[in-house]
Amino acid sequence: MPPQLRNFILFCAQQRGSEWPTIYDEMAKVAGQRLFHGLGYHELKQLGLSFSLSNLDQTMKLVKQAISSNNESPGTHDTQTKRRTI
């Protein structure tokens, strides 16, 4: 997954959470308004993210992949929060 796409998904998850369909709605809003580094639907499609209803399974897989890779990465927000509170 391209880092720019991963970061887009994580940005959207940070805004409203990673639960489906809330994250889909947030990603559509962010893309529609180009709120993340100017990325819109066309640019995101070139990176591999489609908002088409016929591609929802692939979109869900990408979201899960980005979220799980973030949770496994050292230095994630959750890890930093835990370190500060211990």
Protein backbone atom coordinates (compact mmCIF):
# COMPACT_ATOMS: atom_id res chain seq x y z
CA MET A 1 0.00 0.00 0.00
CA PRO A 2 1.42 3.41 -0.91
CA PRO A 3 2.33 5.42 2.21
CA GLN A 4 0.20 8.35 1.01
CA LEU A 5 -2.88 6.09 0.85
CA ARG A 6 -2.12 4.56 4.25
CA ASN A 7 -1.77 8.03 5.75
CA PHE A 8 -5.04 9.15 4.17
CA ILE A 9 -6.89 6.22 5.72
CA LEU A 10 -5.26 6.76 9.11
CA PHE A 11 -6.10 10.48 8.98
CA CYS A 12 -9.75 9.63 8.36
CA ALA A 13 -9.76 7.02 11.12
CA GLN A 14 -8.31 9.57 13.51
CA GLN A 15 -11.14 11.98 12.73
CA ARG A 16 -14.12 9.71 13.38
CA GLY A 17 -12.87 6.21 14.17
CA SER A 18 -12.26 3.11 12.10
CA GLU A 19 -15.67 1.45 12.32
CA TRP A 20 -17.43 0.66 9.05
CA PRO A 21 -19.40 2.52 7.55
CA THR A 22 -18.38 5.60 9.57
CA ILE A 23 -14.86 5.55 8.16
CA TYR A 24 -16.20 5.18 4.62
CA ASP A 25 -18.34 8.28 5.12
CA GLU A 26 -15.38 10.18 6.54
CA MET A 27 -13.08 9.11 3.69
CA ALA A 28 -15.68 10.20 1.14
CA LYS A 29 -16.07 13.57 2.86
CA VAL A 30 -12.32 14.13 3.14
CA ALA A 31 -11.76 13.13 -0.50
CA GLY A 32 -14.69 15.21 -1.73
CA GLN A 33 -13.34 18.31 0.02
CA ARG A 34 -9.66 17.42 -0.61
CA LEU A 35 -8.90 17.89 3.07
CA PHE A 36 -5.86 15.60 3.18
CA HIS A 37 -2.93 16.96 1.17
CA GLY A 38 -5.30 17.94 -1.63
CA LEU A 39 -6.13 14.31 -2.46
CA GLY A 40 -9.49 13.84 -4.18
CA TYR A 41 -11.32 10.85 -5.61
CA HIS A 42 -9.21 10.74 -8.78
CA GLU A 43 -5.87 10.83 -6.96
CA LEU A 44 -6.99 8.23 -4.44
CA LYS A 45 -8.18 5.94 -7.21
CA GLN A 46 -4.72 6.19 -8.77
CA LEU A 47 -3.29 5.11 -5.41
CA GLY A 48 -5.65 2.10 -5.32
CA LEU A 49 -8.64 3.33 -3.31
CA SER A 50 -12.01 3.26 -5.00
CA PHE A 51 -15.25 4.59 -3.55
CA SER A 52 -17.31 2.56 -6.02
CA LEU A 53 -19.96 0.33 -4.48
CA SER A 54 -18.72 -2.54 -6.64
CA ASN A 55 -15.28 -2.26 -4.96
CA LEU A 56 -16.36 -1.99 -1.32
CA ASP A 57 -14.76 -5.32 -0.41
CA GLN A 58 -11.37 -4.08 -1.62
CA THR A 59 -11.88 -0.74 0.13
CA MET A 60 -12.66 -2.52 3.42
CA LYS A 61 -9.52 -4.65 3.02
CA LEU A 62 -7.38 -1.55 2.50
CA VAL A 63 -8.86 0.11 5.59
CA LYS A 64 -8.22 -2.99 7.71
CA GLN A 65 -4.68 -3.28 6.34
CA ALA A 66 -3.85 0.36 7.10
CA ILE A 67 -5.34 0.21 10.61
CA SER A 68 -3.66 -3.08 11.50
CA SER A 69 -0.27 -1.96 10.16
CA ASN A 70 -0.58 1.19 12.25
CA ASN A 71 -1.40 -0.83 15.36
CA GLU A 72 1.61 -3.10 14.77
CA SER A 73 4.08 -0.27 14.07
CA PRO A 74 6.30 0.88 16.92
CA GLY A 75 5.75 4.50 17.81
CA THR A 76 2.07 4.61 16.86
CA HIS A 77 -0.22 7.10 18.54
CA ASP A 78 -1.61 4.40 20.88
CA THR A 79 1.87 3.36 21.93
CA GLN A 80 2.93 6.94 22.52
CA THR A 81 -0.17 7.55 24.62
CA LYS A 82 0.54 4.46 26.73
CA ARG A 83 4.15 5.51 27.25
CA ARG A 84 3.07 8.94 28.47
CA THR A 85 0.56 7.55 30.97
CA ILE A 86 2.81 4.87 32.50
